[in-house]
Amino acid sequence: MRFKVFKYEVPEFDCKLRLPSGAQLLSAGMKPTEEKLWVWARVPQPSHLDVIVRVRVIATGEPIDEQGSERWRFIDTVFQGPLVWHLFEVSRWTPK
C-alpha cells in the first residue's frame, strides 16, 4: 500500500479534524513563521472515505480530568517559547 504525508491545522485546543479514512497522526509542530499548531498524518493512497478525529491540546501542568482520558493516544509535544503543548487523539469516528 502506498502512503503520502499531509499536514492539517489544529485551529483550537479541542477540535474535530476531518481526515481521510485510514489516516494515522504522526507528529505535531509549529512552523517557525506561523503561530499555528499543525499535525502531520500518514494517509494511505488512494483514500476516499472521511473520518472525524477529535484532537485535544493540553498545556504542561494542566489537569486532565475528562472521563476516558487514559485511552487518549499521545501524538506529540510542541514547544512555543516558554509554553509547552501536548497533543492527544481523543477519539475517531466515521461521519453519517
N, C-alpha and C. Protein backbone atom coordinates (compact mmCIF):
# COMPACT_ATOMS: atom_id res chain seq x y z
N MET A 1 0.85 -1.18 0.00
CA MET A 1 0.00 0.00 0.00
C MET A 1 0.89 1.24 0.00
N ARG A 2 0.50 2.21 -0.78
CA ARG A 2 1.24 3.47 -0.84
C ARG A 2 0.67 4.46 0.16
N PHE A 3 1.54 5.36 0.64
CA PHE A 3 1.12 6.39 1.58
C PHE A 3 1.67 7.74 1.14
N LYS A 4 1.01 8.79 1.59
CA LYS A 4 1.52 10.15 1.49
C LYS A 4 1.38 10.77 2.87
N VAL A 5 2.20 11.78 3.15
CA VAL A 5 2.09 12.51 4.41
C VAL A 5 1.52 13.89 4.11
N PHE A 6 0.49 14.26 4.86
CA PHE A 6 -0.16 15.56 4.71
C PHE A 6 -0.19 16.26 6.06
N LYS A 7 -0.28 17.59 6.03
CA LYS A 7 -0.39 18.36 7.28
C LYS A 7 -1.80 18.94 7.38
N TYR A 8 -2.26 19.06 8.65
CA TYR A 8 -3.60 19.58 8.94
C TYR A 8 -3.49 20.56 10.09
N GLU A 9 -4.14 21.70 9.94
CA GLU A 9 -4.11 22.71 11.00
C GLU A 9 -4.98 22.27 12.18
N VAL A 10 -4.49 22.53 13.39
CA VAL A 10 -5.25 22.32 14.62
C VAL A 10 -5.71 23.71 15.06
N PRO A 11 -6.95 24.11 14.71
CA PRO A 11 -7.37 25.50 14.92
C PRO A 11 -7.75 25.86 16.35
N GLU A 12 -8.06 24.85 17.18
CA GLU A 12 -8.48 25.10 18.56
C GLU A 12 -7.87 24.05 19.47
N PHE A 13 -7.93 24.29 20.78
CA PHE A 13 -7.34 23.34 21.74
C PHE A 13 -8.19 22.10 21.94
N ASP A 14 -9.42 22.11 21.48
CA ASP A 14 -10.29 20.93 21.48
C ASP A 14 -11.06 21.00 20.17
N CYS A 15 -10.63 20.22 19.19
CA CYS A 15 -11.22 20.36 17.86
C CYS A 15 -11.46 19.01 17.20
N LYS A 16 -12.24 19.04 16.15
CA LYS A 16 -12.51 17.86 15.34
C LYS A 16 -11.93 18.10 13.95
N LEU A 17 -11.06 17.20 13.52
CA LEU A 17 -10.45 17.30 12.20
C LEU A 17 -11.07 16.26 11.28
N ARG A 18 -11.37 16.64 10.07
CA ARG A 18 -11.87 15.70 9.06
C ARG A 18 -10.67 15.21 8.26
N LEU A 19 -10.37 13.92 8.37
CA LEU A 19 -9.20 13.33 7.72
C LEU A 19 -9.63 12.20 6.80
N PRO A 20 -8.79 11.83 5.84
CA PRO A 20 -9.09 10.67 5.02
C PRO A 20 -9.11 9.40 5.86
N SER A 21 -9.92 8.45 5.44
CA SER A 21 -10.01 7.18 6.14
C SER A 21 -8.64 6.51 6.20
N GLY A 22 -8.29 5.94 7.34
CA GLY A 22 -7.01 5.26 7.50
C GLY A 22 -5.86 6.18 7.84
N ALA A 23 -6.12 7.49 7.98
CA ALA A 23 -5.05 8.43 8.33
C ALA A 23 -4.51 8.13 9.72
N GLN A 24 -3.20 8.18 9.86
CA GLN A 24 -2.54 7.94 11.14
C GLN A 24 -1.78 9.21 11.52
N LEU A 25 -2.14 9.81 12.65
CA LEU A 25 -1.45 11.02 13.10
C LEU A 25 -0.04 10.64 13.56
N LEU A 26 0.95 11.34 13.02
CA LEU A 26 2.35 11.00 13.25
C LEU A 26 3.05 11.95 14.21
N SER A 27 2.84 13.24 14.03
CA SER A 27 3.56 14.23 14.83
C SER A 27 2.82 15.55 14.79
N ALA A 28 3.30 16.49 15.60
CA ALA A 28 2.71 17.82 15.65
C ALA A 28 3.84 18.83 15.72
N GLY A 29 3.53 20.06 15.36
CA GLY A 29 4.55 21.09 15.43
C GLY A 29 3.99 22.44 15.04
N MET A 30 4.89 23.43 15.08
CA MET A 30 4.57 24.78 14.64
C MET A 30 5.61 25.17 13.61
N LYS A 31 5.15 25.77 12.53
CA LYS A 31 6.10 26.29 11.56
C LYS A 31 6.71 27.57 12.13
N PRO A 32 8.00 27.79 11.95
CA PRO A 32 8.66 28.95 12.55
C PRO A 32 8.05 30.29 12.15
N THR A 33 7.43 30.35 11.00
CA THR A 33 6.89 31.62 10.50
C THR A 33 5.43 31.84 10.88
N GLU A 34 4.83 30.89 11.60
CA GLU A 34 3.41 30.98 11.94
C GLU A 34 3.18 30.66 13.41
N GLU A 35 2.09 31.15 13.96
CA GLU A 35 1.69 30.85 15.34
C GLU A 35 0.55 29.84 15.33
N LYS A 36 0.63 28.84 14.46
CA LYS A 36 -0.42 27.84 14.33
C LYS A 36 0.13 26.47 14.68
N LEU A 37 -0.72 25.65 15.30
CA LEU A 37 -0.38 24.25 15.54
C LEU A 37 -0.79 23.42 14.34
N TRP A 38 0.02 22.43 13.99
CA TRP A 38 -0.25 21.53 12.88
C TRP A 38 -0.02 20.09 13.33
N VAL A 39 -0.74 19.16 12.70
CA VAL A 39 -0.41 17.74 12.84
C VAL A 39 -0.11 17.21 11.45
N TRP A 40 0.78 16.23 11.40
CA TRP A 40 1.11 15.56 10.16
C TRP A 40 0.57 14.14 10.25
N ALA A 41 -0.04 13.68 9.16
CA ALA A 41 -0.67 12.36 9.14
C ALA A 41 -0.20 11.56 7.94
N ARG A 42 -0.02 10.27 8.16
CA ARG A 42 0.26 9.33 7.07
C ARG A 42 -1.08 8.85 6.54
N VAL A 43 -1.30 9.04 5.25
CA VAL A 43 -2.59 8.75 4.63
C VAL A 43 -2.40 7.71 3.53
N PRO A 44 -3.11 6.58 3.63
CA PRO A 44 -3.00 5.57 2.57
C PRO A 44 -3.55 6.11 1.25
N GLN A 45 -2.94 5.67 0.15
CA GLN A 45 -3.36 6.11 -1.19
C GLN A 45 -3.83 4.91 -1.99
N PRO A 46 -4.96 4.96 -2.63
CA PRO A 46 -5.92 6.05 -2.57
C PRO A 46 -6.74 5.97 -1.29
N SER A 47 -7.31 7.09 -0.89
CA SER A 47 -8.16 7.14 0.29
C SER A 47 -9.37 8.00 -0.03
N HIS A 48 -10.55 7.47 0.22
CA HIS A 48 -11.76 8.16 -0.22
C HIS A 48 -12.69 8.56 0.92
N LEU A 49 -12.88 7.67 1.88
CA LEU A 49 -13.83 7.95 2.95
C LEU A 49 -13.19 8.84 4.00
N ASP A 50 -14.01 9.61 4.68
CA ASP A 50 -13.51 10.51 5.73
C ASP A 50 -13.76 9.92 7.11
N VAL A 51 -12.92 10.33 8.05
CA VAL A 51 -13.15 10.08 9.47
C VAL A 51 -13.03 11.42 10.19
N ILE A 52 -13.68 11.50 11.33
CA ILE A 52 -13.55 12.67 12.19
C ILE A 52 -12.66 12.26 13.35
N VAL A 53 -11.63 13.06 13.59
CA VAL A 53 -10.69 12.78 14.68
C VAL A 53 -10.74 13.96 15.65
N ARG A 54 -11.04 13.66 16.91
CA ARG A 54 -11.04 14.71 17.94
C ARG A 54 -9.64 14.81 18.52
N VAL A 55 -9.09 16.02 18.49
CA VAL A 55 -7.74 16.30 18.99
C VAL A 55 -7.83 17.29 20.14
N ARG A 56 -7.11 17.00 21.23
CA ARG A 56 -7.04 17.91 22.38
C ARG A 56 -5.61 18.37 22.56
N VAL A 57 -5.46 19.64 22.90
CA VAL A 57 -4.17 20.24 23.20
C VAL A 57 -4.18 20.58 24.69
N ILE A 58 -3.20 20.06 25.41
CA ILE A 58 -3.12 20.23 26.86
C ILE A 58 -1.79 20.92 27.19
N ALA A 59 -1.83 21.92 28.05
CA ALA A 59 -0.60 22.59 28.49
C ALA A 59 0.07 21.78 29.59
N THR A 60 1.38 21.89 29.69
CA THR A 60 2.09 21.24 30.79
C THR A 60 1.51 21.72 32.11
N GLY A 61 1.21 20.78 33.00
CA GLY A 61 0.67 21.10 34.31
C GLY A 61 -0.84 21.26 34.35
N GLU A 62 -1.49 21.29 33.20
CA GLU A 62 -2.95 21.42 33.16
C GLU A 62 -3.59 20.10 33.57
N PRO A 63 -4.56 20.12 34.50
CA PRO A 63 -5.20 18.87 34.90
C PRO A 63 -6.01 18.27 33.75
N ILE A 64 -5.96 16.96 33.63
CA ILE A 64 -6.76 16.23 32.65
C ILE A 64 -7.72 15.36 33.45
N ASP A 65 -8.98 15.80 33.52
CA ASP A 65 -9.93 15.07 34.35
C ASP A 65 -11.11 14.54 33.54
N GLU A 66 -10.98 14.52 32.23
CA GLU A 66 -12.06 14.02 31.39
C GLU A 66 -12.12 12.50 31.48
N GLN A 67 -13.33 11.97 31.64
CA GLN A 67 -13.50 10.53 31.73
C GLN A 67 -13.00 9.86 30.46
N GLY A 68 -12.24 8.79 30.59
CA GLY A 68 -11.69 8.07 29.45
C GLY A 68 -10.36 8.60 28.96
N SER A 69 -9.81 9.62 29.64
CA SER A 69 -8.56 10.23 29.15
C SER A 69 -7.38 9.26 29.17
N GLU A 70 -7.48 8.19 29.95
CA GLU A 70 -6.38 7.21 29.97
C GLU A 70 -6.27 6.48 28.64
N ARG A 71 -7.30 6.56 27.80
CA ARG A 71 -7.26 5.90 26.49
C ARG A 71 -6.84 6.85 25.36
N TRP A 72 -6.60 8.10 25.68
CA TRP A 72 -6.16 9.04 24.65
C TRP A 72 -4.82 8.59 24.09
N ARG A 73 -4.62 8.80 22.79
CA ARG A 73 -3.34 8.44 22.17
C ARG A 73 -2.48 9.69 22.03
N PHE A 74 -1.29 9.65 22.62
CA PHE A 74 -0.36 10.77 22.56
C PHE A 74 0.15 10.93 21.13
N ILE A 75 0.14 12.18 20.64
CA ILE A 75 0.64 12.48 19.30
C ILE A 75 2.04 13.07 19.38
N ASP A 76 2.19 14.17 20.15
CA ASP A 76 3.49 14.84 20.18
C ASP A 76 3.46 15.97 21.21
N THR A 77 4.63 16.50 21.52
CA THR A 77 4.80 17.68 22.36
C THR A 77 5.38 18.79 21.51
N VAL A 78 4.84 20.00 21.66
CA VAL A 78 5.25 21.14 20.85
C VAL A 78 5.69 22.27 21.78
N PHE A 79 6.85 22.85 21.50
CA PHE A 79 7.39 23.97 22.28
C PHE A 79 7.10 25.27 21.55
N GLN A 80 6.53 26.23 22.28
CA GLN A 80 6.23 27.56 21.73
C GLN A 80 6.78 28.58 22.72
N GLY A 81 8.06 28.93 22.57
CA GLY A 81 8.70 29.82 23.53
C GLY A 81 8.66 29.17 24.91
N PRO A 82 8.11 29.88 25.92
CA PRO A 82 8.04 29.30 27.26
C PRO A 82 6.87 28.32 27.44
N LEU A 83 5.99 28.22 26.45
CA LEU A 83 4.83 27.35 26.55
C LEU A 83 5.13 25.97 25.96
N VAL A 84 4.54 24.95 26.57
CA VAL A 84 4.72 23.58 26.07
C VAL A 84 3.34 22.95 25.95
N TRP A 85 3.00 22.46 24.75
CA TRP A 85 1.70 21.87 24.46
C TRP A 85 1.87 20.38 24.18
N HIS A 86 0.90 19.61 24.63
CA HIS A 86 0.88 18.16 24.42
C HIS A 86 -0.40 17.83 23.66
N LEU A 87 -0.26 17.18 22.50
CA LEU A 87 -1.42 16.88 21.65
C LEU A 87 -1.80 15.41 21.77
N PHE A 88 -3.10 15.18 21.87
CA PHE A 88 -3.64 13.83 22.02
C PHE A 88 -4.77 13.59 21.02
N GLU A 89 -4.84 12.37 20.50
CA GLU A 89 -6.00 11.94 19.74
C GLU A 89 -6.98 11.35 20.76
N VAL A 90 -8.14 11.98 20.89
CA VAL A 90 -9.13 11.58 21.89
C VAL A 90 -10.04 10.48 21.35
N SER A 91 -10.52 10.64 20.12
CA SER A 91 -11.43 9.66 19.54
C SER A 91 -11.48 9.87 18.03
N ARG A 92 -12.08 8.89 17.36
CA ARG A 92 -12.31 8.99 15.91
C ARG A 92 -13.56 8.21 15.55
N TRP A 93 -14.26 8.72 14.54
CA TRP A 93 -15.48 8.05 14.09
C TRP A 93 -15.74 8.43 12.64
N THR A 94 -16.58 7.64 11.99
CA THR A 94 -16.99 7.89 10.61
C THR A 94 -18.26 8.72 10.63
N PRO A 95 -18.27 9.85 9.92
CA PRO A 95 -19.49 10.68 9.90
C PRO A 95 -20.62 9.98 9.15
N LYS A 96 -21.83 10.35 9.51
CA LYS A 96 -23.01 9.75 8.85
C LYS A 96 -23.36 10.53 7.61
